[in-house]
C-alpha atoms as a PDB file:
ATOM      1  CA  MET A   1       0.054  -0.141  -0.069  1.00  0.00           C
ATOM      2  CA  SER A   2       1.314   3.219  -0.824  1.00  0.00           C
ATOM      3  CA  GLN A   3       2.588   6.207   1.721  1.00  0.00           C
ATOM      4  CA  GLN A   4      -0.829   7.811   0.866  1.00  0.00           C
ATOM      5  CA  ASP A   5      -2.991   5.693   1.372  1.00  0.00           C
ATOM      6  CA  ALA A   6      -2.066   5.369   4.289  1.00  0.00           C
ATOM      7  CA  HIS A   7      -4.455   5.347   7.741  1.00  0.00           C
ATOM      8  CA  THR A   8      -7.501   4.299   5.311  1.00  0.00           C
ATOM      9  CA  THR A   9     -10.279   3.358   7.195  1.00  0.00           C
ATOM     10  CA  ILE A  10     -13.223   0.951   5.668  1.00  0.00           C
ATOM     11  CA  ALA A  11     -16.107   0.953   6.856  1.00  0.00           C
ATOM     12  CA  CYS A  12     -17.868  -2.484   7.153  1.00  0.00           C
ATOM     13  CA  LEU A  13     -21.746  -2.956   6.753  1.00  0.00           C
ATOM     14  CA  GLY A  14     -24.035  -6.570   6.595  1.00  0.00           C
ATOM     15  CA  SER A  15     -25.478  -8.783   8.554  1.00  0.00           C
ATOM     16  CA  SER A  16     -23.051 -12.113  10.269  1.00  0.00           C
ATOM     17  CA  THR A  17     -21.635 -12.391   7.154  1.00  0.00           C
ATOM     18  CA  THR A  18     -19.817  -9.324   8.883  1.00  0.00           C
ATOM     19  CA  ALA A  19     -20.322  -9.359  12.398  1.00  0.00           C
ATOM     20  CA  ALA A  20     -18.883 -12.727  12.400  1.00  0.00           C
ATOM     21  CA  ARG A  21     -21.356 -14.396  15.076  1.00  0.00           C
ATOM     22  CA  GLY A  22     -21.303 -18.026  13.327  1.00  0.00           C
ATOM     23  CA  THR A  23     -19.244 -17.540  10.327  1.00  0.00           C
ATOM     24  CA  PHE A  24     -15.816 -17.141   8.705  1.00  0.00           C
ATOM     25  CA  ASP A  25     -14.344 -13.669  10.251  1.00  0.00           C
ATOM     26  CA  TRP A  26     -13.161 -11.933   6.855  1.00  0.00           C
ATOM     27  CA  ILE A  27     -12.153  -8.928   8.830  1.00  0.00           C
ATOM     28  CA  ALA A  28      -9.998 -10.967  10.867  1.00  0.00           C
ATOM     29  CA  GLU A  29      -8.208 -12.272   7.453  1.00  0.00           C
ATOM     30  CA  LEU A  30      -7.450  -8.939   5.862  1.00  0.00           C
ATOM     31  CA  LYS A  31      -6.093  -7.258   9.168  1.00  0.00           C
ATOM     32  CA  LYS A  32      -4.055 -10.550   9.352  1.00  0.00           C
ATOM     33  CA  ARG A  33      -2.198  -9.336   5.943  1.00  0.00           C
ATOM     34  CA  PRO A  34       0.758  -7.256   5.807  1.00  0.00           C
ATOM     35  CA  GLN A  35      -0.366  -5.117   2.813  1.00  0.00           C
ATOM     36  CA  ASN A  36      -3.197  -4.008   5.740  1.00  0.00           C
ATOM     37  CA  ARG A  37      -1.778  -2.976   8.394  1.00  0.00           C
ATOM     38  CA  THR A  38      -2.606   0.769   7.896  1.00  0.00           C
ATOM     39  CA  VAL A  39      -6.253  -0.319   7.194  1.00  0.00           C
ATOM     40  CA  ARG A  40      -8.995   1.070  10.107  1.00  0.00           C
ATOM     41  CA  PHE A  41     -11.553  -1.429   9.670  1.00  0.00           C
ATOM     42  CA  LEU A  42     -14.976  -0.724  11.212  1.00  0.00           C
ATOM     43  CA  ASN A  43     -17.477  -3.460  11.347  1.00  0.00           C
ATOM     44  CA  PHE A  44     -21.359  -2.424  11.191  1.00  0.00           C
ATOM     45  CA  GLY A  45     -22.649  -5.585  10.623  1.00  0.00           C
ATOM     46  CA  VAL A  46     -25.299  -7.116  12.954  1.00  0.00           C
ATOM     47  CA  GLY A  47     -26.576 -10.774  13.127  1.00  0.00           C
ATOM     48  CA  GLY A  48     -29.743 -10.968  11.414  1.00  0.00           C
ATOM     49  CA  ASP A  49     -30.025  -7.562   9.790  1.00  0.00           C
ATOM     50  CA  LEU A  50     -32.029  -7.078   6.168  1.00  0.00           C
ATOM     51  CA  SER A  51     -31.175  -4.219   4.214  1.00  0.00           C
ATOM     52  CA  TYR A  52     -33.974  -1.980   5.982  1.00  0.00           C
ATOM     53  CA  ASN A  53     -31.967  -1.940   8.884  1.00  0.00           C
ATOM     54  CA  THR A  54     -29.098  -1.380   7.660  1.00  0.00           C
ATOM     55  CA  LEU A  55     -30.329   2.181   5.904  1.00  0.00           C
ATOM     56  CA  GLN A  56     -31.156   2.995   9.451  1.00  0.00           C
ATOM     57  CA  LYS A  57     -28.504   3.048  11.357  1.00  0.00           C
ATOM     58  CA  ASN A  58     -26.133   4.021   7.849  1.00  0.00           C
ATOM     59  CA  HIS A  59     -26.035   7.689   9.484  1.00  0.00           C
ATOM     60  CA  GLN A  60     -23.203   5.984  12.204  1.00  0.00           C
ATOM     61  CA  VAL A  61     -21.585   4.909   8.887  1.00  0.00           C
ATOM     62  CA  ILE A  62     -21.646   8.530   7.951  1.00  0.00           C
ATOM     63  CA  GLU A  63     -20.526   9.908  11.920  1.00  0.00           C
ATOM     64  CA  ALA A  64     -17.116   8.233  11.271  1.00  0.00           C
ATOM     65  CA  ALA A  65     -15.978   9.556   7.271  1.00  0.00           C
ATOM     66  CA  PRO A  66     -14.643   6.889   6.250  1.00  0.00           C
ATOM     67  CA  ASP A  67     -12.167   6.212   3.007  1.00  0.00           C
ATOM     68  CA  LYS A  68     -13.870   3.475   2.091  1.00  0.00           C
ATOM     69  CA  VAL A  69     -16.899   1.814   2.596  1.00  0.00           C
ATOM     70  CA  LEU A  70     -17.892  -2.251   1.091  1.00  0.00           C
ATOM     71  CA  ILE A  71     -22.304  -2.710   1.679  1.00  0.00           C
ATOM     72  CA  LEU A  72     -23.447  -6.741   1.672  1.00  0.00           C
ATOM     73  CA  ILE A  73     -26.720  -6.741   2.527  1.00  0.00           C
ATOM     74  CA  GLY A  74     -29.788  -8.773   1.316  1.00  0.00           C
ATOM     75  CA  SER A  75     -29.264 -12.527   2.354  1.00  0.00           C
ATOM     76  CA  ASN A  76     -32.111 -12.380   5.091  1.00  0.00           C
ATOM     77  CA  ASP A  77     -34.406  -9.791   2.952  1.00  0.00           C
ATOM     78  CA  ILE A  78     -33.813 -13.367   0.533  1.00  0.00           C
ATOM     79  CA  LEU A  79     -34.218 -16.193   3.814  1.00  0.00           C
ATOM     80  CA  ALA A  80     -37.567 -13.669   5.005  1.00  0.00           C
ATOM     81  CA  THR A  81     -38.768 -14.058   1.597  1.00  0.00           C
ATOM     82  CA  VAL A  82     -38.736 -17.970   1.277  1.00  0.00           C
ATOM     83  CA  PHE A  83     -38.994 -18.914   4.949  1.00  0.00           C
ATOM     84  CA  PRO A  84     -42.657 -17.860   6.280  1.00  0.00           C
ATOM     85  CA  HIS A  85     -41.263 -18.485   9.691  1.00  0.00           C
ATOM     86  CA  VAL A  86     -38.219 -16.584   9.209  1.00  0.00           C
ATOM     87  CA  LYS A  87     -40.007 -14.028   8.012  1.00  0.00           C
ATOM     88  CA  ARG A  88     -42.327 -13.707  11.068  1.00  0.00           C
ATOM     89  CA  ILE A  89     -39.728 -13.732  13.731  1.00  0.00           C
ATOM     90  CA  TYR A  90     -37.521 -11.314  11.465  1.00  0.00           C
ATOM     91  CA  ILE A  91     -40.581  -9.088  11.007  1.00  0.00           C
ATOM     92  CA  LEU A  92     -40.937  -8.900  15.031  1.00  0.00           C
ATOM     93  CA  TRP A  93     -37.971  -8.899  16.068  1.00  0.00           C
ATOM     94  CA  LYS A  94     -36.047  -6.255  13.511  1.00  0.00           C
ATOM     95  CA  ARG A  95     -39.139  -4.049  13.534  1.00  0.00           C
ATOM     96  CA  LEU A  96     -39.930  -4.381  10.158  1.00  0.00           C
ATOM     97  CA  PRO A  97     -42.548  -2.095   8.306  1.00  0.00           C
ATOM     98  CA  GLN A  98     -43.420  -4.009   5.924  1.00  0.00           C
ATOM     99  CA  GLU A  99     -42.607  -7.847   4.597  1.00  0.00           C
ATOM    100  CA  PRO A 100     -39.195  -8.114   2.773  1.00  0.00           C
ATOM    101  CA  SER A 101     -39.432  -8.244  -0.899  1.00  0.00           C
ATOM    102  CA  VAL A 102     -37.228  -7.612  -4.187  1.00  0.00           C
ATOM    103  CA  THR A 103     -38.665  -4.119  -4.994  1.00  0.00           C
ATOM    104  CA  TRP A 104     -37.884  -3.373  -1.217  1.00  0.00           C
ATOM    105  CA  PHE A 105     -35.093  -4.295  -1.145  1.00  0.00           C
ATOM    106  CA  ARG A 106     -33.772  -3.060  -4.277  1.00  0.00           C
ATOM    107  CA  GLU A 107     -35.433   0.812  -2.757  1.00  0.00           C
ATOM    108  CA  ASN A 108     -32.787   0.009   0.455  1.00  0.00           C
ATOM    109  CA  LEU A 109     -29.669   0.021  -1.214  1.00  0.00           C
ATOM    110  CA  GLN A 110     -30.254   2.916  -3.741  1.00  0.00           C
ATOM    111  CA  GLN A 111     -30.311   4.488  -0.426  1.00  0.00           C
ATOM    112  CA  ILE A 112     -28.167   3.483   1.713  1.00  0.00           C
ATOM    113  CA  ILE A 113     -25.609   3.921  -1.326  1.00  0.00           C
ATOM    114  CA  ARG A 114     -26.987   7.607  -2.146  1.00  0.00           C
ATOM    115  CA  GLN A 115     -27.430   9.039   1.579  1.00  0.00           C
ATOM    116  CA  ILE A 116     -23.142   7.737   1.815  1.00  0.00           C
ATOM    117  CA  LYS A 117     -22.178   9.528  -1.464  1.00  0.00           C
ATOM    118  CA  ALA A 118     -23.667  12.445  -0.088  1.00  0.00           C
ATOM    119  CA  GLN A 119     -22.224  13.288   2.912  1.00  0.00           C
ATOM    120  CA  THR A 120     -19.128  11.171   2.568  1.00  0.00           C
ATOM    121  CA  SER A 121     -16.732  10.901   0.294  1.00  0.00           C
ATOM    122  CA  ALA A 122     -15.947   7.828   0.403  1.00  0.00           C
ATOM    123  CA  GLN A 123     -14.994   5.212  -1.923  1.00  0.00           C
ATOM    124  CA  ILE A 124     -17.909   2.483  -2.056  1.00  0.00           C
ATOM    125  CA  ALA A 125     -17.785  -0.907  -3.441  1.00  0.00           C
ATOM    126  CA  VAL A 126     -20.793  -3.505  -2.840  1.00  0.00           C
ATOM    127  CA  ALA A 127     -21.057  -6.928  -3.171  1.00  0.00           C
ATOM    128  CA  SER A 128     -23.474  -9.359  -4.064  1.00  0.00           C
ATOM    129  CA  LEU A 129     -24.117 -12.589  -1.501  1.00  0.00           C
ATOM    130  CA  ALA A 130     -22.937 -15.802  -1.002  1.00  0.00           C
ATOM    131  CA  GLU A 131     -25.836 -18.656  -2.310  1.00  0.00           C
ATOM    132  CA  VAL A 132     -27.576 -20.589   0.484  1.00  0.00           C
ATOM    133  CA  GLY A 133     -27.140 -24.343   0.077  1.00  0.00           C
ATOM    134  CA  GLU A 134     -24.738 -25.991  -2.496  1.00  0.00           C
ATOM    135  CA  ALA A 135     -26.792 -27.463  -5.331  1.00  0.00           C
ATOM    136  CA  PRO A 136     -27.236 -25.590  -7.915  1.00  0.00           C
ATOM    137  CA  GLU A 137     -29.221 -28.117  -9.937  1.00  0.00           C
ATOM    138  CA  SER A 138     -31.229 -28.904  -7.221  1.00  0.00           C
ATOM    139  CA  LYS A 139     -35.092 -30.493  -8.123  1.00  0.00           C
ATOM    140  CA  ASN A 140     -35.789 -29.558  -4.891  1.00  0.00           C
ATOM    141  CA  ILE A 141     -39.006 -26.806  -4.334  1.00  0.00           C
ATOM    142  CA  VAL A 142     -37.077 -24.516  -1.566  1.00  0.00           C
ATOM    143  CA  GLN A 143     -33.478 -24.961  -3.046  1.00  0.00           C
ATOM    144  CA  GLN A 144     -34.575 -23.988  -6.553  1.00  0.00           C
ATOM    145  CA  GLN A 145     -35.846 -20.555  -4.812  1.00  0.00           C
ATOM    146  CA  LEU A 146     -33.567 -20.369  -2.926  1.00  0.00           C
ATOM    147  CA  ASN A 147     -30.618 -20.170  -6.326  1.00  0.00           C
ATOM    148  CA  MET A 148     -33.417 -18.050  -8.295  1.00  0.00           C
ATOM    149  CA  LEU A 149     -34.009 -15.585  -5.290  1.00  0.00           C
ATOM    150  CA  PHE A 150     -29.945 -15.312  -5.108  1.00  0.00           C
ATOM    151  CA  ARG A 151     -29.601 -14.831  -9.190  1.00  0.00           C
ATOM    152  CA  SER A 152     -31.780 -12.542  -9.370  1.00  0.00           C
ATOM    153  CA  TYR A 153     -30.373 -10.290  -5.483  1.00  0.00           C
ATOM    154  CA  ALA A 154     -27.106 -10.245  -7.495  1.00  0.00           C
ATOM    155  CA  GLU A 155     -28.567  -9.019 -11.114  1.00  0.00           C
ATOM    156  CA  ILE A 156     -29.928  -6.154  -9.157  1.00  0.00           C
ATOM    157  CA  ILE A 157     -26.956  -5.155  -7.107  1.00  0.00           C
ATOM    158  CA  LYS A 158     -24.973  -5.477  -9.913  1.00  0.00           C
ATOM    159  CA  GLU A 159     -27.942  -2.892 -11.560  1.00  0.00           C
ATOM    160  CA  VAL A 160     -27.441  -0.375  -8.637  1.00  0.00           C
ATOM    161  CA  ALA A 161     -23.988  -0.574  -8.746  1.00  0.00           C
ATOM    162  CA  GLU A 162     -24.029   0.368 -11.994  1.00  0.00           C
ATOM    163  CA  VAL A 163     -27.050   3.130 -11.910  1.00  0.00           C
ATOM    164  CA  GLU A 164     -24.899   4.581  -9.097  1.00  0.00           C
ATOM    165  CA  GLY A 165     -21.759   4.818 -10.193  1.00  0.00           C
ATOM    166  CA  VAL A 166     -20.073   2.697  -7.377  1.00  0.00           C
ATOM    167  CA  ARG A 167     -18.178  -0.476  -7.421  1.00  0.00           C
ATOM    168  CA  TYR A 168     -19.396  -4.388  -7.826  1.00  0.00           C
ATOM    169  CA  LEU A 169     -17.590  -7.037  -6.158  1.00  0.00           C
ATOM    170  CA  PRO A 170     -18.809 -10.258  -8.302  1.00  0.00           C
ATOM    171  CA  PHE A 171     -18.773 -12.923  -5.009  1.00  0.00           C
ATOM    172  CA  TYR A 172     -21.970 -14.544  -5.722  1.00  0.00           C
ATOM    173  CA  GLU A 173     -20.387 -15.233  -8.939  1.00  0.00           C
ATOM    174  CA  ARG A 174     -17.332 -16.377  -7.966  1.00  0.00           C
ATOM    175  CA  PHE A 175     -18.937 -18.715  -5.187  1.00  0.00           C
ATOM    176  CA  HIS A 176     -21.450 -20.364  -8.221  1.00  0.00           C
ATOM    177  CA  ASP A 177     -18.587 -21.114 -10.146  1.00  0.00           C
ATOM    178  CA  ALA A 178     -16.975 -22.816  -7.268  1.00  0.00           C
ATOM    179  CA  VAL A 179     -20.401 -24.401  -6.101  1.00  0.00           C
ATOM    180  CA  LEU A 180     -21.103 -25.913  -9.787  1.00  0.00           C
ATOM    181  CA  ALA A 181     -17.411 -27.299  -9.877  1.00  0.00           C
ATOM    182  CA  SER A 182     -18.452 -28.956  -7.151  1.00  0.00           C
ATOM    183  CA  PRO A 183     -22.059 -29.200  -6.201  1.00  0.00           C
ATOM    184  CA  GLY A 184     -23.291 -30.337  -2.771  1.00  0.00           C
ATOM    185  CA  ARG A 185     -26.487 -30.452  -0.427  1.00  0.00           C
ATOM    186  CA  ALA A 186     -29.400 -28.531  -0.961  1.00  0.00           C
ATOM    187  CA  PHE A 187     -30.658 -26.492   1.802  1.00  0.00           C
ATOM    188  CA  THR A 188     -34.300 -27.172   1.839  1.00  0.00           C
ATOM    189  CA  ARG A 189     -35.013 -26.296   5.757  1.00  0.00           C
ATOM    190  CA  PHE A 190     -34.232 -23.801   8.008  1.00  0.00           C
ATOM    191  CA  SER A 191     -34.068 -24.000  11.286  1.00  0.00           C
ATOM    192  CA  PHE A 192     -32.407 -21.812  14.359  1.00  0.00           C
ATOM    193  CA  LEU A 193     -32.307 -24.007  16.440  1.00  0.00           C
ATOM    194  CA  SER A 194     -29.103 -26.262  14.636  1.00  0.00           C
ATOM    195  CA  PHE A 195     -27.748 -22.655  14.071  1.00  0.00           C
ATOM    196  CA  TYR A 196     -27.545 -22.333  17.629  1.00  0.00           C
ATOM    197  CA  ARG A 197     -26.629 -26.088  18.191  1.00  0.00           C
ATOM    198  CA  ASP A 198     -23.599 -25.062  16.155  1.00  0.00           C
ATOM    199  CA  TYR A 199     -22.397 -21.321  17.409  1.00  0.00           C
ATOM    200  CA  LEU A 200     -23.299 -21.950  21.381  1.00  0.00           C
ATOM    201  CA  LEU A 201     -22.614 -25.928  21.383  1.00  0.00           C
ATOM    202  CA  ARG A 202     -19.849 -27.301  19.044  1.00  0.00           C
ATOM    203  CA  GLU A 203     -17.919 -23.941  18.185  1.00  0.00           C
ATOM    204  CA  PHE A 204     -17.753 -22.272  22.503  1.00  0.00           C
ATOM    205  CA  VAL A 205     -18.437 -25.347  24.532  1.00  0.00           C
ATOM    206  CA  LEU A 206     -16.848 -28.146  22.570  1.00  0.00           C
ATOM    207  CA  ARG A 207     -14.357 -25.967  21.312  1.00  0.00           C
ATOM    208  CA  TYR A 208     -14.464 -27.206  16.877  1.00  0.00           C
ATOM    209  CA  ASN A 209     -13.742 -24.577  14.619  1.00  0.00           C
ATOM    210  CA  PHE A 210     -15.585 -23.674  11.749  1.00  0.00           C
ATOM    211  CA  ASP A 211     -13.778 -25.809   9.256  1.00  0.00           C
ATOM    212  CA  LYS A 212     -15.063 -28.842  11.979  1.00  0.00           C
ATOM    213  CA  ILE A 213     -18.480 -28.358  12.430  1.00  0.00           C
ATOM    214  CA  ALA A 214     -18.770 -27.259   8.535  1.00  0.00           C
ATOM    215  CA  GLN A 215     -17.464 -30.589   7.857  1.00  0.00           C
ATOM    216  CA  LEU A 216     -19.343 -32.902  10.604  1.00  0.00           C
ATOM    217  CA  ASN A 217     -22.585 -31.190   8.841  1.00  0.00           C
ATOM    218  CA  GLY A 218     -21.661 -32.178   5.490  1.00  0.00           C
ATOM    219  CA  TRP A 219     -21.171 -28.456   4.057  1.00  0.00           C
ATOM    220  CA  GLN A 220     -18.557 -27.699   1.320  1.00  0.00           C
ATOM    221  CA  PHE A 221     -18.099 -23.743   1.509  1.00  0.00           C
ATOM    222  CA  HIS A 222     -20.862 -23.241   4.457  1.00  0.00           C
ATOM    223  CA  ILE A 223     -20.897 -23.956   7.992  1.00  0.00           C
ATOM    224  CA  ASP A 224     -24.446 -24.978   8.121  1.00  0.00           C
ATOM    225  CA  GLY A 225     -25.875 -23.154   4.312  1.00  0.00           C
ATOM    226  CA  VAL A 226     -26.102 -20.476   5.178  1.00  0.00           C
ATOM    227  CA  HIS A 227     -23.154 -18.646   6.750  1.00  0.00           C
ATOM    228  CA  LEU A 228     -19.565 -19.407   5.608  1.00  0.00           C
ATOM    229  CA  ASN A 229     -16.568 -21.451   5.952  1.00  0.00           C
ATOM    230  CA  THR A 230     -12.843 -20.889   6.029  1.00  0.00           C
ATOM    231  CA  ARG A 231     -13.153 -22.492   2.035  1.00  0.00           C
ATOM    232  CA  GLY A 232     -16.495 -20.067   1.597  1.00  0.00           C
ATOM    233  CA  GLY A 233     -15.064 -16.988   2.845  1.00  0.00           C
ATOM    234  CA  VAL A 234     -11.365 -16.526   1.086  1.00  0.00           C
ATOM    235  CA  MET A 235     -13.444 -16.126  -1.969  1.00  0.00           C
ATOM    236  CA  LEU A 236     -14.831 -12.910  -0.212  1.00  0.00           C
ATOM    237  CA  VAL A 237     -11.616 -11.933   1.140  1.00  0.00           C
ATOM    238  CA  ASP A 238      -9.824 -12.207  -1.782  1.00  0.00           C
ATOM    239  CA  LEU A 239     -12.571  -9.695  -4.234  1.00  0.00           C
ATOM    240  CA  VAL A 240     -12.384  -7.152  -0.699  1.00  0.00           C
ATOM    241  CA  GLN A 241      -8.793  -6.929  -0.989  1.00  0.00           C
ATOM    242  CA  GLU A 242      -8.892  -6.209  -4.440  1.00  0.00           C
ATOM    243  CA  PHE A 243     -10.879  -3.202  -3.353  1.00  0.00           C
ATOM    244  CA  LEU A 244      -8.587  -2.399  -0.921  1.00  0.00           C
ATOM    245  CA  THR A 245      -5.418  -2.275  -3.272  1.00  0.00           C
ATOM    246  CA  SER A 246      -7.424  -0.158  -5.850  1.00  0.00           C
END
């Protein structure tokens, strides 16, 4: 990193993938790299957040006056669309004023970007989303709906980035190519209980690392079909690194 980039501050927005709750900590991985020794990382990720919640917290990012901003949000919007019980919980837990939808996601993402553009001088990048499940050709109705929505959201994120003149990080495309080359299990059921089993029992009590938990659960790129293990998370790390050093 050049001298003029010293003390660069990057704000990272998102949900559990960014907050590193029960998932690979891609921000910690970036901090380890020598080329990022002068980079200050601000983590604004909150587990369970949807695009609406990120928009409500946008003032915190603006007040921090970062040099760069990385936006990675939308997976929970999709999960709440596919799984009715998840939608009910998120509406109450996250105080959503309406049901999640593709249209509402687009509106929220545009507003997040526009507010940051208007009130900071930060360089902005928005990343598409790693798929849930590892079965791109699955015949299961739930996995098919997830595959369709993650593909659609990637197209929306890319389009919004182009319209707003910000950088697009093709995380969906890179992740999808890897899953296509090595397909695995379908994600057919969303269970909060199984997530907490992995997060509390296996990680904190048994002290298993995420990759061991992923192996026990039968996933290649995920820990549980939703959250990333090392193999899945490093793809994001490399993309964000490109943004940091550009």
